[in-house]
PDB file of N, CA and C in Angstrom:
ATOM      1  N   UNK A   1     -14.114  -5.951  20.635  1.00  0.00           N
ATOM      2  CA  UNK A   1     -13.215  -6.612  19.699  1.00  0.00           C
ATOM      3  C   UNK A   1     -13.553  -6.259  18.259  1.00  0.00           C
ATOM      4  N   UNK A   2     -14.850  -6.074  17.981  1.00  0.00           N
ATOM      5  CA  UNK A   2     -15.240  -5.758  16.613  1.00  0.00           C
ATOM      6  C   UNK A   2     -14.746  -4.381  16.201  1.00  0.00           C
ATOM      7  N   UNK A   3     -14.686  -3.449  17.166  1.00  0.00           N
ATOM      8  CA  UNK A   3     -14.188  -2.119  16.856  1.00  0.00           C
ATOM      9  C   UNK A   3     -12.733  -2.173  16.427  1.00  0.00           C
ATOM     10  N   UNK A   4     -11.933  -2.998  17.112  1.00  0.00           N
ATOM     11  CA  UNK A   4     -10.528  -3.132  16.746  1.00  0.00           C
ATOM     12  C   UNK A   4     -10.371  -3.738  15.356  1.00  0.00           C
ATOM     13  N   UNK A   5     -11.222  -4.691  15.019  1.00  0.00           N
ATOM     14  CA  UNK A   5     -11.154  -5.285  13.686  1.00  0.00           C
ATOM     15  C   UNK A   5     -11.472  -4.249  12.612  1.00  0.00           C
ATOM     16  N   UNK A   6     -12.452  -3.385  12.871  1.00  0.00           N
ATOM     17  CA  UNK A   6     -12.779  -2.342  11.910  1.00  0.00           C
ATOM     18  C   UNK A   6     -11.626  -1.365  11.761  1.00  0.00           C
ATOM     19  N   UNK A   7     -10.990  -1.031  12.874  1.00  0.00           N
ATOM     20  CA  UNK A   7      -9.857  -0.106  12.823  1.00  0.00           C
ATOM     21  C   UNK A   7      -8.740  -0.698  11.983  1.00  0.00           C
ATOM     22  N   UNK A   8      -8.448  -1.982  12.152  1.00  0.00           N
ATOM     23  CA  UNK A   8      -7.379  -2.616  11.379  1.00  0.00           C
ATOM     24  C   UNK A   8      -7.735  -2.717   9.906  1.00  0.00           C
ATOM     25  N   UNK A   9      -9.004  -2.956   9.610  1.00  0.00           N
ATOM     26  CA  UNK A   9      -9.435  -3.009   8.211  1.00  0.00           C
ATOM     27  C   UNK A   9      -9.307  -1.638   7.571  1.00  0.00           C
ATOM     28  N   UNK A  10      -9.748  -0.594   8.277  1.00  0.00           N
ATOM     29  CA  UNK A  10      -9.622   0.763   7.749  1.00  0.00           C
ATOM     30  C   UNK A  10      -8.158   1.148   7.576  1.00  0.00           C
ATOM     31  N   UNK A  11      -7.328   0.771   8.526  1.00  0.00           N
ATOM     32  CA  UNK A  11      -5.893   1.057   8.419  1.00  0.00           C
ATOM     33  C   UNK A  11      -5.307   0.370   7.188  1.00  0.00           C
ATOM     34  N   UNK A  12      -5.674  -0.886   6.982  1.00  0.00           N
ATOM     35  CA  UNK A  12      -5.199  -1.649   5.828  1.00  0.00           C
ATOM     36  C   UNK A  12      -5.633  -0.974   4.521  1.00  0.00           C
ATOM     37  N   UNK A  13      -6.896  -0.561   4.443  1.00  0.00           N
ATOM     38  CA  UNK A  13      -7.400   0.081   3.231  1.00  0.00           C
ATOM     39  C   UNK A  13      -6.745   1.441   2.990  1.00  0.00           C
ATOM     40  N   UNK A  14      -6.493   2.184   4.053  1.00  0.00           N
ATOM     41  CA  UNK A  14      -5.830   3.480   3.908  1.00  0.00           C
ATOM     42  C   UNK A  14      -4.410   3.289   3.384  1.00  0.00           C
ATOM     43  N   UNK A  15      -3.701   2.276   3.890  1.00  0.00           N
ATOM     44  CA  UNK A  15      -2.354   2.004   3.400  1.00  0.00           C
ATOM     45  C   UNK A  15      -2.384   1.600   1.930  1.00  0.00           C
ATOM     46  N   UNK A  16      -3.396   0.840   1.515  1.00  0.00           N
ATOM     47  CA  UNK A  16      -3.506   0.451   0.109  1.00  0.00           C
ATOM     48  C   UNK A  16      -3.743   1.673  -0.771  1.00  0.00           C
ATOM     49  N   UNK A  17      -4.600   2.575  -0.330  1.00  0.00           N
ATOM     50  CA  UNK A  17      -4.879   3.785  -1.107  1.00  0.00           C
ATOM     51  C   UNK A  17      -3.636   4.667  -1.194  1.00  0.00           C
ATOM     52  N   UNK A  18      -2.958   4.853  -0.072  1.00  0.00           N
ATOM     53  CA  UNK A  18      -1.734   5.653  -0.070  1.00  0.00           C
ATOM     54  C   UNK A  18      -0.675   5.008  -0.963  1.00  0.00           C
ATOM     55  N   UNK A  19      -0.570   3.693  -0.923  1.00  0.00           N
ATOM     56  CA  UNK A  19       0.374   2.991  -1.785  1.00  0.00           C
ATOM     57  C   UNK A  19       0.046   3.168  -3.255  1.00  0.00           C
ATOM     58  N   UNK A  20      -1.227   3.120  -3.605  1.00  0.00           N
ATOM     59  CA  UNK A  20      -1.621   3.328  -4.998  1.00  0.00           C
ATOM     60  C   UNK A  20      -1.302   4.733  -5.483  1.00  0.00           C
ATOM     61  N   UNK A  21      -1.576   5.716  -4.651  1.00  0.00           N
ATOM     62  CA  UNK A  21      -1.258   7.103  -5.011  1.00  0.00           C
ATOM     63  C   UNK A  21       0.252   7.281  -5.127  1.00  0.00           C
ATOM     64  N   UNK A  22       0.991   6.670  -4.214  1.00  0.00           N
ATOM     65  CA  UNK A  22       2.450   6.765  -4.270  1.00  0.00           C
ATOM     66  C   UNK A  22       3.013   6.078  -5.513  1.00  0.00           C
ATOM     67  N   UNK A  23       2.448   4.931  -5.880  1.00  0.00           N
ATOM     68  CA  UNK A  23       2.881   4.230  -7.079  1.00  0.00           C
ATOM     69  C   UNK A  23       2.641   5.045  -8.335  1.00  0.00           C
ATOM     70  N   UNK A  24       1.482   5.701  -8.410  1.00  0.00           N
ATOM     71  CA  UNK A  24       1.214   6.549  -9.570  1.00  0.00           C
ATOM     72  C   UNK A  24       2.126   7.768  -9.571  1.00  0.00           C
ATOM     73  N   UNK A  25       2.370   8.351  -8.398  1.00  0.00           N
ATOM     74  CA  UNK A  25       3.279   9.501  -8.316  1.00  0.00           C
ATOM     75  C   UNK A  25       4.684   9.100  -8.744  1.00  0.00           C
ATOM     76  N   UNK A  26       5.106   7.893  -8.370  1.00  0.00           N
ATOM     77  CA  UNK A  26       6.419   7.410  -8.809  1.00  0.00           C
ATOM     78  C   UNK A  26       6.466   7.295 -10.326  1.00  0.00           C
ATOM     79  N   UNK A  27       5.408   6.753 -10.914  1.00  0.00           N
ATOM     80  CA  UNK A  27       5.347   6.657 -12.378  1.00  0.00           C
ATOM     81  C   UNK A  27       5.402   8.048 -13.013  1.00  0.00           C
ATOM     82  N   UNK A  28       4.634   8.962 -12.476  1.00  0.00           N
ATOM     83  CA  UNK A  28       4.496  10.283 -13.092  1.00  0.00           C
ATOM     84  C   UNK A  28       5.784  11.096 -13.006  1.00  0.00           C
ATOM     85  N   UNK A  29       6.435  11.077 -11.840  1.00  0.00           N
ATOM     86  CA  UNK A  29       7.598  11.928 -11.643  1.00  0.00           C
ATOM     87  C   UNK A  29       8.929  11.249 -11.960  1.00  0.00           C
ATOM     88  N   UNK A  30       9.042   9.934 -11.746  1.00  0.00           N
ATOM     89  CA  UNK A  30      10.325   9.261 -11.872  1.00  0.00           C
ATOM     90  C   UNK A  30      10.323   8.186 -12.959  1.00  0.00           C
ATOM     91  N   UNK A  31       9.176   7.610 -13.254  1.00  0.00           N
ATOM     92  CA  UNK A  31       9.072   6.438 -14.122  1.00  0.00           C
ATOM     93  C   UNK A  31       9.852   6.494 -15.423  1.00  0.00           C
ATOM     94  N   UNK A  32       9.968   5.360 -16.046  1.00  0.00           N
ATOM     95  CA  UNK A  32      10.747   5.198 -17.276  1.00  0.00           C
ATOM     96  C   UNK A  32       9.981   5.799 -18.449  1.00  0.00           C
ATOM     97  N   UNK A  33      10.513   6.837 -19.045  1.00  0.00           N
ATOM     98  CA  UNK A  33       9.829   7.534 -20.143  1.00  0.00           C
ATOM     99  C   UNK A  33      10.090   6.898 -21.509  1.00  0.00           C
ATOM    100  N   UNK A  34      11.133   6.087 -21.624  1.00  0.00           N
ATOM    101  CA  UNK A  34      11.456   5.504 -22.929  1.00  0.00           C
ATOM    102  C   UNK A  34      10.556   4.329 -23.285  1.00  0.00           C
ATOM    103  N   UNK A  35       9.890   3.729 -22.291  1.00  0.00           N
ATOM    104  CA  UNK A  35       9.001   2.606 -22.554  1.00  0.00           C
ATOM    105  C   UNK A  35       9.680   1.251 -22.520  1.00  0.00           C
ATOM    106  N   UNK A  36      10.964   1.209 -22.202  1.00  0.00           N
ATOM    107  CA  UNK A  36      11.677  -0.066 -22.174  1.00  0.00           C
ATOM    108  C   UNK A  36      11.549  -0.768 -20.827  1.00  0.00           C
ATOM    109  N   UNK A  37      11.148  -0.054 -19.798  1.00  0.00           N
ATOM    110  CA  UNK A  37      10.973  -0.664 -18.475  1.00  0.00           C
ATOM    111  C   UNK A  37       9.580  -1.298 -18.420  1.00  0.00           C
ATOM    112  N   UNK A  38       9.518  -2.534 -18.031  1.00  0.00           N
ATOM    113  CA  UNK A  38       8.239  -3.252 -18.061  1.00  0.00           C
ATOM    114  C   UNK A  38       7.231  -2.707 -17.052  1.00  0.00           C
ATOM    115  N   UNK A  39       7.662  -2.414 -15.860  1.00  0.00           N
ATOM    116  CA  UNK A  39       6.734  -1.990 -14.815  1.00  0.00           C
ATOM    117  C   UNK A  39       6.631  -0.465 -14.751  1.00  0.00           C
ATOM    118  N   UNK A  40       7.749   0.216 -14.817  1.00  0.00           N
ATOM    119  CA  UNK A  40       7.768   1.660 -14.613  1.00  0.00           C
ATOM    120  C   UNK A  40       7.158   2.457 -15.760  1.00  0.00           C
ATOM    121  N   UNK A  41       7.017   1.879 -16.936  1.00  0.00           N
ATOM    122  CA  UNK A  41       6.504   2.631 -18.074  1.00  0.00           C
ATOM    123  C   UNK A  41       4.977   2.573 -18.167  1.00  0.00           C
ATOM    124  N   UNK A  42       4.329   1.772 -17.342  1.00  0.00           N
ATOM    125  CA  UNK A  42       2.882   1.625 -17.382  1.00  0.00           C
ATOM    126  C   UNK A  42       2.286   2.135 -16.069  1.00  0.00           C
ATOM    127  N   UNK A  43       1.384   3.130 -16.113  1.00  0.00           N
ATOM    128  CA  UNK A  43       0.840   3.663 -14.860  1.00  0.00           C
ATOM    129  C   UNK A  43      -0.018   2.655 -14.097  1.00  0.00           C
ATOM    130  N   UNK A  44      -0.663   1.745 -14.810  1.00  0.00           N
ATOM    131  CA  UNK A  44      -1.510   0.757 -14.136  1.00  0.00           C
ATOM    132  C   UNK A  44      -0.667  -0.223 -13.314  1.00  0.00           C
ATOM    133  N   UNK A  45       0.447  -0.668 -13.868  1.00  0.00           N
ATOM    134  CA  UNK A  45       1.321  -1.585 -13.134  1.00  0.00           C
ATOM    135  C   UNK A  45       1.972  -0.912 -11.931  1.00  0.00           C
ATOM    136  N   UNK A  46       2.396   0.328 -12.098  1.00  0.00           N
ATOM    137  CA  UNK A  46       3.026   1.027 -10.979  1.00  0.00           C
ATOM    138  C   UNK A  46       2.016   1.290  -9.869  1.00  0.00           C
ATOM    139  N   UNK A  47       0.792   1.633 -10.240  1.00  0.00           N
ATOM    140  CA  UNK A  47      -0.245   1.837  -9.230  1.00  0.00           C
ATOM    141  C   UNK A  47      -0.550   0.528  -8.516  1.00  0.00           C
ATOM    142  N   UNK A  48      -0.629  -0.561  -9.254  1.00  0.00           N
ATOM    143  CA  UNK A  48      -0.881  -1.871  -8.653  1.00  0.00           C
ATOM    144  C   UNK A  48       0.249  -2.274  -7.708  1.00  0.00           C
ATOM    145  N   UNK A  49       1.496  -2.079  -8.141  1.00  0.00           N
ATOM    146  CA  UNK A  49       2.628  -2.414  -7.274  1.00  0.00           C
ATOM    147  C   UNK A  49       2.644  -1.540  -6.032  1.00  0.00           C
ATOM    148  N   UNK A  50       2.283  -0.278  -6.169  1.00  0.00           N
ATOM    149  CA  UNK A  50       2.188   0.601  -5.007  1.00  0.00           C
ATOM    150  C   UNK A  50       1.116   0.142  -4.037  1.00  0.00           C
ATOM    151  N   UNK A  51      -0.011  -0.324  -4.574  1.00  0.00           N
ATOM    152  CA  UNK A  51      -1.083  -0.833  -3.718  1.00  0.00           C
ATOM    153  C   UNK A  51      -0.657  -2.105  -2.993  1.00  0.00           C
ATOM    154  N   UNK A  52       0.049  -2.972  -3.680  1.00  0.00           N
ATOM    155  CA  UNK A  52       0.541  -4.205  -3.046  1.00  0.00           C
ATOM    156  C   UNK A  52       1.526  -3.864  -1.930  1.00  0.00           C
ATOM    157  N   UNK A  53       2.443  -2.954  -2.206  1.00  0.00           N
ATOM    158  CA  UNK A  53       3.413  -2.562  -1.190  1.00  0.00           C
ATOM    159  C   UNK A  53       2.723  -1.886  -0.010  1.00  0.00           C
ATOM    160  N   UNK A  54       1.742  -1.044  -0.279  1.00  0.00           N
ATOM    161  CA  UNK A  54       0.980  -0.424   0.800  1.00  0.00           C
ATOM    162  C   UNK A  54       0.223  -1.452   1.623  1.00  0.00           C
ATOM    163  N   UNK A  55      -0.326  -2.469   0.961  1.00  0.00           N
ATOM    164  CA  UNK A  55      -1.017  -3.535   1.692  1.00  0.00           C
ATOM    165  C   UNK A  55      -0.083  -4.340   2.566  1.00  0.00           C
ATOM    166  N   UNK A  56       1.113  -4.585   2.060  1.00  0.00           N
ATOM    167  CA  UNK A  56       2.106  -5.325   2.859  1.00  0.00           C
ATOM    168  C   UNK A  56       2.520  -4.508   4.079  1.00  0.00           C
ATOM    169  N   UNK A  57       2.728  -3.215   3.880  1.00  0.00           N
ATOM    170  CA  UNK A  57       3.138  -2.372   5.005  1.00  0.00           C
ATOM    171  C   UNK A  57       2.006  -2.146   6.002  1.00  0.00           C
ATOM    172  N   UNK A  58       0.774  -2.125   5.527  1.00  0.00           N
ATOM    173  CA  UNK A  58      -0.358  -1.858   6.400  1.00  0.00           C
ATOM    174  C   UNK A  58      -0.944  -3.075   7.073  1.00  0.00           C
ATOM    175  N   UNK A  59      -0.506  -4.262   6.698  1.00  0.00           N
ATOM    176  CA  UNK A  59      -1.057  -5.491   7.262  1.00  0.00           C
ATOM    177  C   UNK A  59      -0.499  -5.730   8.659  1.00  0.00           C
ATOM    178  N   UNK A  60      -1.375  -5.959   9.598  1.00  0.00           N
ATOM    179  CA  UNK A  60      -0.943  -6.203  10.971  1.00  0.00           C
ATOM    180  C   UNK A  60      -0.756  -7.703  11.151  1.00  0.00           C
ATOM    181  N   UNK A  61       0.425  -8.090  11.590  1.00  0.00           N
ATOM    182  CA  UNK A  61       0.735  -9.509  11.681  1.00  0.00           C
ATOM    183  C   UNK A  61       0.668 -10.049  13.108  1.00  0.00           C
ATOM    184  N   UNK A  62       0.953  -9.222  14.091  1.00  0.00           N
ATOM    185  CA  UNK A  62       0.954  -9.697  15.470  1.00  0.00           C
ATOM    186  C   UNK A  62      -0.131  -8.994  16.248  1.00  0.00           C
ATOM    187  N   UNK A  63      -0.763  -9.729  17.156  1.00  0.00           N
ATOM    188  CA  UNK A  63      -1.795  -9.136  18.001  1.00  0.00           C
ATOM    189  C   UNK A  63      -1.133  -8.376  19.139  1.00  0.00           C
ATOM    190  N   UNK A  64      -1.809  -7.338  19.562  1.00  0.00           N
ATOM    191  CA  UNK A  64      -1.304  -6.561  20.686  1.00  0.00           C
ATOM    192  C   UNK A  64      -1.381  -7.394  21.967  1.00  0.00           C
ATOM    193  N   UNK A  65      -0.366  -7.292  22.779  1.00  0.00           N
ATOM    194  CA  UNK A  65      -0.367  -7.999  24.056  1.00  0.00           C
ATOM    195  C   UNK A  65      -1.037  -7.149  25.103  1.00  0.00           C
ATOM    196  N   UNK A  66      -1.913  -7.752  25.874  1.00  0.00           N
ATOM    197  CA  UNK A  66      -2.574  -7.031  26.949  1.00  0.00           C
ATOM    198  C   UNK A  66      -1.680  -7.022  28.174  1.00  0.00           C
ATOM    199  N   UNK A  67      -1.592  -5.886  28.790  1.00  0.00           N
ATOM    200  CA  UNK A  67      -0.777  -5.741  30.003  1.00  0.00           C
ATOM    201  C   UNK A  67      -1.712  -5.787  31.196  1.00  0.00           C
ATOM    202  N   UNK A  68      -1.515  -6.757  32.049  1.00  0.00           N
ATOM    203  CA  UNK A  68      -2.324  -6.884  33.258  1.00  0.00           C
ATOM    204  C   UNK A  68      -1.651  -6.160  34.409  1.00  0.00           C
ATOM    205  N   UNK A  69      -2.380  -5.258  35.036  1.00  0.00           N
ATOM    206  CA  UNK A  69      -1.831  -4.526  36.189  1.00  0.00           C
ATOM    207  C   UNK A  69      -2.243  -5.203  37.465  1.00  0.00           C
TER     208      UNK A  69
END
């Protein structure tokens, strides 16, 4: 059981890292260049929002059901 918990923790952390990189890439390539957008004009906020979104997507909410043969 502990191995599965480690796998889920690593999966969660990997999704957070990927989300942060994606958030920064969004800022760099698409973000608001004029500075009038509150979130898109700041790389720190976009990276943070990407990490939050990655954490939400990577979070496991339901336990796997065991199939008894």
